[in-house]
């Protein structure tokens, strides 16, 4: 399941897609509480085959957050699988 602009996931409203890869999809989202634009990476259901794959997904997110510009606070949200909300 993919998300589309206007979909609401918890405290986030989907603005649009940013990209996709073998394990997941990335969306530009607006935090409805802070009105801040952030990125949300969603693990695709077919990628949830093992604890190893889930850990790899988390490592990718952590690596990306560490590589952001130091003066800019990281903005990311882990949101389970694409078929959960």
Protein backbone atom coordinates (compact mmCIF):
# COMPACT_ATOMS: atom_id res chain seq x y z
CA UNK A 1 0.00 0.00 0.00
CA UNK A 2 1.34 3.40 -0.92
CA UNK A 3 0.31 6.71 0.55
CA UNK A 4 -0.91 9.73 -1.38
CA UNK A 5 -0.95 13.47 -0.74
CA UNK A 6 -3.48 14.30 1.96
CA UNK A 7 -3.32 10.93 3.74
CA UNK A 8 -2.92 11.29 7.51
CA UNK A 9 -0.67 8.91 9.46
CA UNK A 10 -0.73 9.69 13.18
CA UNK A 11 0.43 13.30 13.57
CA UNK A 12 1.65 13.51 9.96
CA UNK A 13 -0.02 14.55 6.71
CA UNK A 14 1.52 13.17 3.52
CA UNK A 15 2.61 15.94 1.14
CA UNK A 16 3.95 13.62 -1.54
CA UNK A 17 6.46 10.92 -2.42
CA UNK A 18 10.22 11.60 -2.23
CA UNK A 19 11.54 8.25 -3.42
CA UNK A 20 11.48 4.49 -3.16
CA UNK A 21 13.94 1.66 -2.95
CA UNK A 22 14.09 -2.05 -2.51
CA UNK A 23 13.05 -1.97 1.15
CA UNK A 24 10.79 1.03 1.47
CA UNK A 25 9.25 4.28 0.35
CA UNK A 26 10.05 7.81 1.53
CA UNK A 27 7.45 10.54 1.78
CA UNK A 28 7.55 14.25 2.45
CA UNK A 29 5.20 14.81 5.38
CA UNK A 30 3.98 17.73 7.44
CA UNK A 31 3.99 17.31 11.20
CA UNK A 32 0.49 18.55 12.06
CA UNK A 33 1.54 19.50 15.61
CA UNK A 34 4.61 21.60 14.75
CA UNK A 35 3.73 22.41 11.10
CA UNK A 36 7.26 21.27 10.25
CA UNK A 37 8.13 19.46 7.02
CA UNK A 38 9.81 16.10 7.62
CA UNK A 39 10.57 12.84 5.85
CA UNK A 40 8.88 9.54 6.65
CA UNK A 41 10.43 6.24 5.54
CA UNK A 42 8.01 3.33 5.35
CA UNK A 43 9.13 -0.30 5.23
CA UNK A 44 7.37 -2.24 2.45
CA UNK A 45 5.44 -5.34 3.63
CA UNK A 46 7.46 -7.70 1.41
CA UNK A 47 10.63 -6.45 3.15
CA UNK A 48 9.55 -7.66 6.58
CA UNK A 49 10.90 -11.18 6.05
CA UNK A 50 13.24 -11.29 9.01
CA UNK A 51 14.59 -9.44 12.01
CA UNK A 52 17.80 -8.98 9.99
CA UNK A 53 15.96 -7.04 7.28
CA UNK A 54 14.19 -4.88 9.84
CA UNK A 55 17.51 -4.08 11.51
CA UNK A 56 19.06 -3.17 8.15
CA UNK A 57 16.16 -0.78 7.52
CA UNK A 58 16.74 0.88 10.91
CA UNK A 59 20.50 1.15 10.23
CA UNK A 60 19.79 2.93 6.93
CA UNK A 61 17.58 5.46 8.73
CA UNK A 62 20.13 6.04 11.49
CA UNK A 63 22.95 6.46 8.96
CA UNK A 64 20.90 9.02 7.02
CA UNK A 65 20.10 10.98 10.18
CA UNK A 66 23.79 11.10 11.15
CA UNK A 67 24.73 12.41 7.71
CA UNK A 68 22.45 15.44 7.86
CA UNK A 69 23.91 18.92 8.10
CA UNK A 70 24.91 19.52 11.77
CA UNK A 71 23.21 22.93 11.96
CA UNK A 72 19.94 21.45 10.79
CA UNK A 73 18.12 19.19 13.28
CA UNK A 74 17.26 15.80 11.77
CA UNK A 75 13.67 15.17 10.76
CA UNK A 76 12.59 11.62 10.15
CA UNK A 77 9.91 9.23 11.26
CA UNK A 78 9.87 5.45 11.22
CA UNK A 79 6.39 4.21 10.46
CA UNK A 80 6.28 0.43 10.47
CA UNK A 81 5.15 -1.12 7.21
CA UNK A 82 3.28 0.41 4.30
CA UNK A 83 0.21 -1.63 5.11
CA UNK A 84 -0.10 -0.25 8.65
CA UNK A 85 -1.13 3.23 9.68
